[in-house]
PDB file of all heavy atoms in Angstrom:
ATOM      1  N   ASN A   1      96.187  99.003  99.841  1.00  0.00           N
ATOM      2  CA  ASN A   1      95.709  98.229  98.688  1.00  0.00           C
ATOM      3  C   ASN A   1      96.888  97.534  98.029  1.00  0.00           C
ATOM      4  O   ASN A   1      98.053  98.012  98.121  1.00  0.00           O
ATOM      5  CB  ASN A   1      94.951  99.042  97.681  1.00  0.00           C
ATOM      6  CG  ASN A   1      94.227  98.218  96.670  1.00  0.00           C
ATOM      7  OD1 ASN A   1      94.803  97.831  95.677  1.00  0.00           O
ATOM      8  ND2 ASN A   1      92.960  97.918  96.884  1.00  0.00           N
ATOM      9  N   PHE A   2      96.743  96.384  97.334  1.00  0.00           N
ATOM     10  CA  PHE A   2      97.790  95.638  96.830  1.00  0.00           C
ATOM     11  C   PHE A   2      98.586  96.327  95.679  1.00  0.00           C
ATOM     12  O   PHE A   2      99.646  95.894  95.350  1.00  0.00           O
ATOM     13  CB  PHE A   2      97.325  94.205  96.394  1.00  0.00           C
ATOM     14  CG  PHE A   2      96.542  94.210  95.142  1.00  0.00           C
ATOM     15  CD1 PHE A   2      97.127  93.925  93.881  1.00  0.00           C
ATOM     16  CD2 PHE A   2      95.200  94.458  95.187  1.00  0.00           C
ATOM     17  CE1 PHE A   2      96.398  93.851  92.783  1.00  0.00           C
ATOM     18  CE2 PHE A   2      94.450  94.427  94.045  1.00  0.00           C
ATOM     19  CZ  PHE A   2      95.040  94.165  92.774  1.00  0.00           C
ATOM     20  N   THR A   3      98.006  97.339  95.117  1.00  0.00           N
ATOM     21  CA  THR A   3      98.720  98.084  94.070  1.00  0.00           C
ATOM     22  C   THR A   3      99.069  99.519  94.567  1.00  0.00           C
ATOM     23  O   THR A   3      99.520 100.343  93.760  1.00  0.00           O
ATOM     24  CB  THR A   3      97.944  98.183  92.769  1.00  0.00           C
ATOM     25  OG1 THR A   3      96.665  98.784  93.040  1.00  0.00           O
ATOM     26  CG2 THR A   3      97.759  96.849  92.149  1.00  0.00           C
ATOM     27  N   GLY A   4      98.863  99.824  95.828  1.00  0.00           N
ATOM     28  CA  GLY A   4      99.255 101.148  96.341  1.00  0.00           C
ATOM     29  C   GLY A   4      98.262 102.225  96.049  1.00  0.00           C
ATOM     30  O   GLY A   4      98.596 103.340  96.059  1.00  0.00           O
ATOM     31  N   LYS A   5      96.988 101.880  95.751  1.00  0.00           N
ATOM     32  CA  LYS A   5      95.993 102.921  95.395  1.00  0.00           C
ATOM     33  C   LYS A   5      95.409 103.570  96.671  1.00  0.00           C
ATOM     34  O   LYS A   5      94.691 104.561  96.531  1.00  0.00           O
ATOM     35  CB  LYS A   5      94.835 102.242  94.623  1.00  0.00           C
ATOM     36  CG  LYS A   5      95.229 101.586  93.293  1.00  0.00           C
ATOM     37  CD  LYS A   5      95.794 102.584  92.310  1.00  0.00           C
ATOM     38  CE  LYS A   5      96.052 101.850  90.991  1.00  0.00           C
ATOM     39  NZ  LYS A   5      96.671 102.802  89.998  1.00  0.00           N
ATOM     40  N   GLY A   6      95.738 103.076  97.841  1.00  0.00           N
ATOM     41  CA  GLY A   6      95.217 103.664  99.046  1.00  0.00           C
ATOM     42  C   GLY A   6      93.891 103.033  99.448  1.00  0.00           C
ATOM     43  O   GLY A   6      93.332 102.221  98.749  1.00  0.00           O
ATOM     44  N   GLY A   7      93.464 103.439 100.609  1.00  0.00           N
ATOM     45  CA  GLY A   7      92.211 102.847 101.186  1.00  0.00           C
ATOM     46  C   GLY A   7      91.771 103.549 102.443  1.00  0.00           C
ATOM     47  O   GLY A   7      92.525 104.294 103.087  1.00  0.00           O
ATOM     48  N   ALA A   8      90.566 103.294 102.867  1.00  0.00           N
ATOM     49  CA  ALA A   8      89.963 103.844 104.089  1.00  0.00           C
ATOM     50  C   ALA A   8      90.424 103.143 105.296  1.00  0.00           C
ATOM     51  O   ALA A   8      90.637 101.866 105.270  1.00  0.00           O
ATOM     52  CB  ALA A   8      88.453 103.914 103.989  1.00  0.00           C
ATOM     53  N   LEU A   9      90.577 103.861 106.413  1.00  0.00           N
ATOM     54  CA  LEU A   9      90.864 103.261 107.735  1.00  0.00           C
ATOM     55  C   LEU A   9      89.742 103.626 108.676  1.00  0.00           C
ATOM     56  O   LEU A   9      88.678 104.088 108.232  1.00  0.00           O
ATOM     57  CB  LEU A   9      92.253 103.791 108.255  1.00  0.00           C
ATOM     58  CG  LEU A   9      93.425 103.549 107.343  1.00  0.00           C
ATOM     59  CD1 LEU A   9      94.683 104.230 107.938  1.00  0.00           C
ATOM     60  CD2 LEU A   9      93.697 102.033 107.164  1.00  0.00           C
ATOM     61  N   THR A  10      89.916 103.454 109.940  1.00  0.00           N
ATOM     62  CA  THR A  10      88.848 103.685 110.909  1.00  0.00           C
ATOM     63  C   THR A  10      88.777 105.153 111.255  1.00  0.00           C
ATOM     64  O   THR A  10      89.721 105.949 111.170  1.00  0.00           O
ATOM     65  CB  THR A  10      89.101 102.885 112.196  1.00  0.00           C
ATOM     66  OG1 THR A  10      90.339 103.254 112.721  1.00  0.00           O
ATOM     67  CG2 THR A  10      89.146 101.380 111.924  1.00  0.00           C
ATOM     68  N   ARG A  11      87.529 105.599 111.607  1.00  0.00           N
ATOM     69  CA  ARG A  11      87.273 106.932 112.210  1.00  0.00           C
ATOM     70  C   ARG A  11      87.739 108.066 111.322  1.00  0.00           C
ATOM     71  O   ARG A  11      88.309 109.013 111.730  1.00  0.00           O
ATOM     72  CB  ARG A  11      87.915 107.081 113.603  1.00  0.00           C
ATOM     73  CG  ARG A  11      87.394 106.054 114.575  1.00  0.00           C
ATOM     74  CD  ARG A  11      87.973 106.248 115.929  1.00  0.00           C
ATOM     75  NE  ARG A  11      87.468 105.290 116.915  1.00  0.00           N
ATOM     76  CZ  ARG A  11      87.742 105.168 118.161  1.00  0.00           C
ATOM     77  NH1 ARG A  11      88.658 106.051 118.633  1.00  0.00           N
ATOM     78  NH2 ARG A  11      87.236 104.273 118.956  1.00  0.00           N
ATOM     79  N   GLY A  12      87.513 107.912 110.007  1.00  0.00           N
ATOM     80  CA  GLY A  12      87.810 109.042 109.058  1.00  0.00           C
ATOM     81  C   GLY A  12      89.231 109.055 108.595  1.00  0.00           C
ATOM     82  O   GLY A  12      89.569 109.855 107.774  1.00  0.00           O
ATOM     83  N   LYS A  13      90.077 108.134 109.083  1.00  0.00           N
ATOM     84  CA  LYS A  13      91.454 108.122 108.638  1.00  0.00           C
ATOM     85  C   LYS A  13      91.563 107.323 107.293  1.00  0.00           C
ATOM     86  O   LYS A  13      90.639 106.620 106.918  1.00  0.00           O
ATOM     87  CB  LYS A  13      92.296 107.457 109.712  1.00  0.00           C
ATOM     88  CG  LYS A  13      92.282 108.180 111.035  1.00  0.00           C
ATOM     89  CD  LYS A  13      93.046 107.419 112.105  1.00  0.00           C
ATOM     90  CE  LYS A  13      92.932 108.042 113.464  1.00  0.00           C
ATOM     91  NZ  LYS A  13      93.629 107.289 114.527  1.00  0.00           N
ATOM     92  N   TYR A  14      92.688 107.466 106.665  1.00  0.00           N
ATOM     93  CA  TYR A  14      92.836 106.814 105.400  1.00  0.00           C
ATOM     94  C   TYR A  14      94.357 106.626 105.087  1.00  0.00           C
ATOM     95  O   TYR A  14      95.207 107.308 105.632  1.00  0.00           O
ATOM     96  CB  TYR A  14      92.266 107.631 104.272  1.00  0.00           C
ATOM     97  CG  TYR A  14      92.861 108.964 104.077  1.00  0.00           C
ATOM     98  CD1 TYR A  14      93.927 109.250 103.209  1.00  0.00           C
ATOM     99  CD2 TYR A  14      92.365 110.104 104.817  1.00  0.00           C
ATOM    100  CE1 TYR A  14      94.474 110.491 103.102  1.00  0.00           C
ATOM    101  CE2 TYR A  14      92.888 111.307 104.686  1.00  0.00           C
ATOM    102  CZ  TYR A  14      93.956 111.519 103.806  1.00  0.00           C
ATOM    103  OH  TYR A  14      94.506 112.802 103.669  1.00  0.00           O
ATOM    104  N   ALA A  15      94.614 105.620 104.309  1.00  0.00           N
ATOM    105  CA  ALA A  15      95.962 105.355 103.812  1.00  0.00           C
ATOM    106  C   ALA A  15      96.030 105.974 102.407  1.00  0.00           C
ATOM    107  O   ALA A  15      95.290 105.618 101.490  1.00  0.00           O
ATOM    108  CB  ALA A  15      96.225 103.838 103.708  1.00  0.00           C
ATOM    109  N   PRO A  16      96.929 106.926 102.237  1.00  0.00           N
ATOM    110  CA  PRO A  16      96.917 107.662 100.976  1.00  0.00           C
ATOM    111  C   PRO A  16      97.422 106.815  99.767  1.00  0.00           C
ATOM    112  O   PRO A  16      98.117 105.813  99.980  1.00  0.00           O
ATOM    113  CB  PRO A  16      97.929 108.858 101.212  1.00  0.00           C
ATOM    114  CG  PRO A  16      98.784 108.298 102.316  1.00  0.00           C
ATOM    115  CD  PRO A  16      97.964 107.456 103.176  1.00  0.00           C
ATOM    116  N   SER A  17      97.092 107.228  98.607  1.00  0.00           N
ATOM    117  CA  SER A  17      97.587 106.596  97.391  1.00  0.00           C
ATOM    118  C   SER A  17      99.103 106.756  97.301  1.00  0.00           C
ATOM    119  O   SER A  17      99.595 107.825  97.603  1.00  0.00           O
ATOM    120  CB  SER A  17      96.862 107.130  96.159  1.00  0.00           C
ATOM    121  OG  SER A  17      97.505 106.621  95.013  1.00  0.00           O
ATOM    122  N   LEU A  18      99.788 105.779  96.808  1.00  0.00           N
ATOM    123  CA  LEU A  18     101.219 105.870  96.634  1.00  0.00           C
ATOM    124  C   LEU A  18     101.572 106.024  95.177  1.00  0.00           C
ATOM    125  O   LEU A  18     102.817 106.062  94.846  1.00  0.00           O
ATOM    126  CB  LEU A  18     101.901 104.547  97.163  1.00  0.00           C
ATOM    127  CG  LEU A  18     101.624 104.296  98.617  1.00  0.00           C
ATOM    128  CD1 LEU A  18     102.314 102.890  98.964  1.00  0.00           C
ATOM    129  CD2 LEU A  18     102.118 105.366  99.544  1.00  0.00           C
ATOM    130  N   GLU A  19     100.638 106.257  94.335  1.00  0.00           N
ATOM    131  CA  GLU A  19     100.903 106.498  92.965  1.00  0.00           C
ATOM    132  C   GLU A  19     101.468 107.894  92.738  1.00  0.00           C
ATOM    133  O   GLU A  19     100.840 108.865  93.167  1.00  0.00           O
ATOM    134  CB  GLU A  19      99.579 106.333  92.100  1.00  0.00           C
ATOM    135  CG  GLU A  19      99.816 106.363  90.604  1.00  0.00           C
ATOM    136  CD  GLU A  19      98.568 106.014  89.881  1.00  0.00           C
ATOM    137  OE1 GLU A  19      97.463 105.857  90.467  1.00  0.00           O
ATOM    138  OE2 GLU A  19      98.617 105.825  88.604  1.00  0.00           O
ATOM    139  N   GLY A  20     102.573 107.962  92.044  1.00  0.00           N
ATOM    140  CA  GLY A  20     103.261 109.235  91.749  1.00  0.00           C
ATOM    141  C   GLY A  20     103.981 109.812  92.905  1.00  0.00           C
ATOM    142  O   GLY A  20     104.482 110.954  92.809  1.00  0.00           O
ATOM    143  N   VAL A  21     104.130 109.137  94.058  1.00  0.00           N
ATOM    144  CA  VAL A  21     104.803 109.683  95.215  1.00  0.00           C
ATOM    145  C   VAL A  21     106.319 109.521  94.964  1.00  0.00           C
ATOM    146  O   VAL A  21     106.818 108.474  94.438  1.00  0.00           O
ATOM    147  CB  VAL A  21     104.417 108.927  96.470  1.00  0.00           C
ATOM    148  CG1 VAL A  21     105.217 109.426  97.662  1.00  0.00           C
ATOM    149  CG2 VAL A  21     102.925 109.068  96.717  1.00  0.00           C
ATOM    150  N   ASP A  22     107.103 110.530  95.347  1.00  0.00           N
ATOM    151  CA  ASP A  22     108.514 110.552  95.219  1.00  0.00           C
ATOM    152  C   ASP A  22     109.088 109.296  95.963  1.00  0.00           C
ATOM    153  O   ASP A  22     108.779 109.066  97.126  1.00  0.00           O
ATOM    154  CB  ASP A  22     109.126 111.859  95.786  1.00  0.00           C
ATOM    155  CG  ASP A  22     110.578 111.961  95.442  1.00  0.00           C
ATOM    156  OD1 ASP A  22     111.322 111.011  95.501  1.00  0.00           O
ATOM    157  OD2 ASP A  22     110.977 113.176  95.097  1.00  0.00           O
ATOM    158  N   PRO A  23     109.990 108.484  95.286  1.00  0.00           N
ATOM    159  CA  PRO A  23     110.547 107.353  95.990  1.00  0.00           C
ATOM    160  C   PRO A  23     111.253 107.702  97.312  1.00  0.00           C
ATOM    161  O   PRO A  23     111.250 106.937  98.245  1.00  0.00           O
ATOM    162  CB  PRO A  23     111.550 106.839  94.940  1.00  0.00           C
ATOM    163  CG  PRO A  23     111.037 107.273  93.623  1.00  0.00           C
ATOM    164  CD  PRO A  23     110.423 108.569  93.895  1.00  0.00           C
ATOM    165  N   LYS A  24     111.855 108.885  97.300  1.00  0.00           N
ATOM    166  CA  LYS A  24     112.500 109.298  98.564  1.00  0.00           C
ATOM    167  C   LYS A  24     111.489 109.411  99.715  1.00  0.00           C
ATOM    168  O   LYS A  24     111.756 108.987 100.837  1.00  0.00           O
ATOM    169  CB  LYS A  24     113.244 110.678  98.353  1.00  0.00           C
ATOM    170  CG  LYS A  24     113.944 111.115  99.630  1.00  0.00           C
ATOM    171  CD  LYS A  24     114.750 112.378  99.443  1.00  0.00           C
ATOM    172  CE  LYS A  24     113.788 113.612  99.296  1.00  0.00           C
ATOM    173  NZ  LYS A  24     114.565 114.881  99.415  1.00  0.00           N
ATOM    174  N   HIS A  25     110.342 109.958  99.389  1.00  0.00           N
ATOM    175  CA  HIS A  25     109.288 110.072 100.467  1.00  0.00           C
ATOM    176  C   HIS A  25     108.714 108.754 100.886  1.00  0.00           C
ATOM    177  O   HIS A  25     108.374 108.572 102.048  1.00  0.00           O
ATOM    178  CB  HIS A  25     108.174 111.036  99.897  1.00  0.00           C
ATOM    179  CG  HIS A  25     108.635 112.419  99.650  1.00  0.00           C
ATOM    180  ND1 HIS A  25     107.997 113.233  98.779  1.00  0.00           N
ATOM    181  CD2 HIS A  25     109.655 113.125 100.132  1.00  0.00           C
ATOM    182  CE1 HIS A  25     108.626 114.418  98.746  1.00  0.00           C
ATOM    183  NE2 HIS A  25     109.623 114.347  99.562  1.00  0.00           N
TER     184      HIS A  25
END
């Protein structure tokens, strides 16, 4: 998503939210 909130992918996969994630990670 354009603000890093995450979103659904195919076959039950997903892109996780990037909010609050350590910059190193």
